[in-house]
Amino acid sequence: MKKLLLTAFAFASLSSQAAQLEFVSELSVQETQSIRENLSSEQLYAFDNAINNQAGMAILYKDRDYGNEYRIVIGNVSNFRDIGFNDTVSSIKVINSTGVILYRDRDFGGDYRIVLGQENNLVNIGFNDAASSLKFF
């Protein structure tokens, strides 16, 4: 069973150079059903609420090509240790937002990469297993 944690944090805005231009405006029906099957009732409420309200959301995957374990985050995350995913992300899908900034250090510090839409392999942007925090824009 895939382990999911939903987090709700404040929205912030930043901009910089773009690393990827493939956008995801919504999840496929299959992806949505698969995710919903693994959520507790509280997580399901937060997930559905984020989808319905077009809230910025990202799915962080442990492996490239959106594989293996994943975490769903709603809003900024200042420390991936809080969701048990520090230095673990290898692919990402951004939903209901232009993109995210992935930071190497917690609290939005250090080197960073911009992802617009999705990235199936963070090796492509030199950031595999390196992210420790994230901001939506």
Protein backbone atom coordinates (compact mmCIF):
# COMPACT_ATOMS: atom_id res chain seq x y z
CA MET A 1 0.00 0.00 0.00
CA LYS A 2 1.30 3.43 -0.86
CA LYS A 3 1.83 5.73 2.08
CA LEU A 4 0.19 9.14 1.81
CA LEU A 5 0.46 12.24 3.90
CA LEU A 6 -1.51 15.38 3.18
CA THR A 7 -0.24 18.67 4.49
CA ALA A 8 -1.84 22.09 4.39
CA PHE A 9 0.42 25.13 4.50
CA ALA A 10 0.15 28.79 3.48
CA PHE A 11 0.44 29.84 -0.16
CA ALA A 12 3.40 31.99 -1.22
CA SER A 13 4.60 33.34 -4.52
CA LEU A 14 8.05 33.37 -6.14
CA SER A 15 9.31 33.41 -9.70
CA SER A 16 12.57 32.61 -11.47
CA GLN A 17 13.84 30.73 -14.51
CA ALA A 18 11.76 27.81 -15.80
CA ALA A 19 13.09 24.27 -15.94
CA GLN A 20 10.14 22.42 -17.52
CA LEU A 21 7.17 23.48 -19.65
CA GLU A 22 4.85 20.46 -19.60
CA PHE A 23 1.71 21.36 -17.62
CA VAL A 24 -0.69 19.13 -15.69
CA SER A 25 -4.07 20.71 -15.17
CA GLU A 26 -5.74 17.65 -13.71
CA LEU A 27 -5.15 14.04 -12.80
CA SER A 28 -6.50 11.24 -14.96
CA VAL A 29 -9.54 9.38 -13.69
CA GLN A 30 -7.36 6.31 -13.05
CA GLU A 31 -4.77 8.30 -11.07
CA THR A 32 -7.49 9.98 -9.02
CA GLN A 33 -9.22 6.68 -8.22
CA SER A 34 -5.94 5.02 -7.28
CA ILE A 35 -5.02 7.86 -4.92
CA ARG A 36 -8.50 8.08 -3.36
CA GLU A 37 -8.50 4.32 -2.57
CA ASN A 38 -5.48 4.75 -0.29
CA LEU A 39 -6.69 7.74 1.72
CA SER A 40 -8.22 7.89 5.17
CA SER A 41 -11.54 9.76 5.39
CA GLU A 42 -9.74 12.86 6.70
CA GLN A 43 -7.16 12.73 3.89
CA LEU A 44 -9.90 12.08 1.33
CA TYR A 45 -11.75 15.21 2.47
CA ALA A 46 -8.58 17.34 2.14
CA PHE A 47 -7.74 15.83 -1.27
CA ASP A 48 -11.24 16.33 -2.70
CA ASN A 49 -11.40 19.84 -1.24
CA ALA A 50 -8.08 20.76 -2.89
CA ILE A 51 -9.22 19.38 -6.25
CA ASN A 52 -12.61 21.10 -6.10
CA ASN A 53 -11.17 24.45 -4.99
CA GLN A 54 -8.32 24.34 -7.50
CA ALA A 55 -5.76 24.55 -4.68
CA GLY A 56 -2.09 24.18 -5.54
CA MET A 57 -1.14 20.56 -5.01
CA ALA A 58 1.85 18.39 -5.89
CA ILE A 59 2.45 14.67 -5.93
CA LEU A 60 6.03 13.82 -4.99
CA TYR A 61 7.24 10.38 -6.10
CA LYS A 62 10.12 8.37 -4.70
CA ASP A 63 11.12 6.95 -8.10
CA ARG A 64 11.44 8.37 -11.60
CA ASP A 65 8.51 8.06 -13.98
CA TYR A 66 6.06 8.64 -11.10
CA GLY A 67 6.76 5.30 -9.47
CA ASN A 68 6.77 3.66 -6.05
CA GLU A 69 5.87 5.50 -2.87
CA TYR A 70 4.48 9.04 -3.06
CA ARG A 71 3.30 11.99 -0.96
CA ILE A 72 0.57 14.48 -1.80
CA VAL A 73 1.20 18.02 -0.58
CA ILE A 74 -1.22 20.92 -0.58
CA GLY A 75 0.55 24.22 -0.11
CA ASN A 76 4.15 25.03 0.75
CA VAL A 77 6.25 22.55 2.72
CA SER A 78 9.19 23.99 4.67
CA ASN A 79 10.74 20.66 5.65
CA PHE A 80 10.25 17.36 3.82
CA ARG A 81 11.32 15.53 7.01
CA ASP A 82 7.87 16.46 8.36
CA ILE A 83 6.30 14.28 5.67
CA GLY A 84 8.98 11.57 5.75
CA PHE A 85 10.31 12.40 2.28
CA ASN A 86 13.54 14.40 2.72
CA ASP A 87 16.11 13.92 -0.08
CA THR A 88 13.82 11.29 -1.62
CA VAL A 89 11.91 12.92 -4.51
CA SER A 90 12.75 11.62 -8.00
CA SER A 91 9.69 12.80 -9.96
CA ILE A 92 6.86 15.28 -9.42
CA LYS A 93 3.47 16.34 -10.78
CA VAL A 94 2.15 19.84 -10.02
CA ILE A 95 -1.64 20.26 -10.12
CA ASN A 96 -3.77 23.43 -10.05
CA SER A 97 -0.67 25.64 -9.98
CA THR A 98 1.79 27.04 -12.50
CA GLY A 99 4.68 25.31 -10.79
CA VAL A 100 6.84 24.81 -7.74
CA ILE A 101 10.29 25.70 -6.56
CA LEU A 102 12.14 22.74 -5.08
CA TYR A 103 14.83 23.75 -2.58
CA ARG A 104 17.87 21.70 -1.55
CA ASP A 105 17.61 22.80 2.10
CA ARG A 106 14.74 23.02 4.56
CA ASP A 107 13.03 26.37 5.13
CA PHE A 108 13.32 27.21 1.42
CA GLY A 109 17.09 27.55 1.47
CA GLY A 110 20.05 26.62 -0.67
CA ASP A 111 20.17 25.69 -4.32
CA TYR A 112 16.80 25.35 -6.07
CA ARG A 113 15.08 24.18 -9.25
CA ILE A 114 11.82 25.33 -10.84
CA VAL A 115 9.35 22.74 -12.08
CA LEU A 116 6.42 23.81 -14.25
CA GLY A 117 3.75 21.12 -14.51
CA GLN A 118 5.68 17.90 -14.13
CA GLU A 119 9.08 16.28 -14.30
CA ASN A 120 9.31 12.52 -14.70
CA ASN A 121 12.98 12.32 -13.72
CA LEU A 122 14.64 14.96 -11.53
CA VAL A 123 18.02 13.75 -12.83
CA ASN A 124 17.09 15.77 -15.94
CA ILE A 125 17.35 18.98 -13.93
CA GLY A 126 20.15 17.87 -11.61
CA PHE A 127 17.97 17.51 -8.52
CA ASN A 128 17.29 13.81 -7.96
CA ASP A 129 16.95 12.88 -4.27
CA ALA A 130 17.96 16.45 -3.35
CA ALA A 131 14.79 18.36 -2.41
CA SER A 132 14.09 19.30 1.22
CA SER A 133 11.37 21.99 0.83
CA LEU A 134 8.91 23.30 -1.76
CA LYS A 135 6.99 26.49 -2.60
CA PHE A 136 4.12 26.91 -5.05
CA PHE A 137 3.82 29.88 -7.42
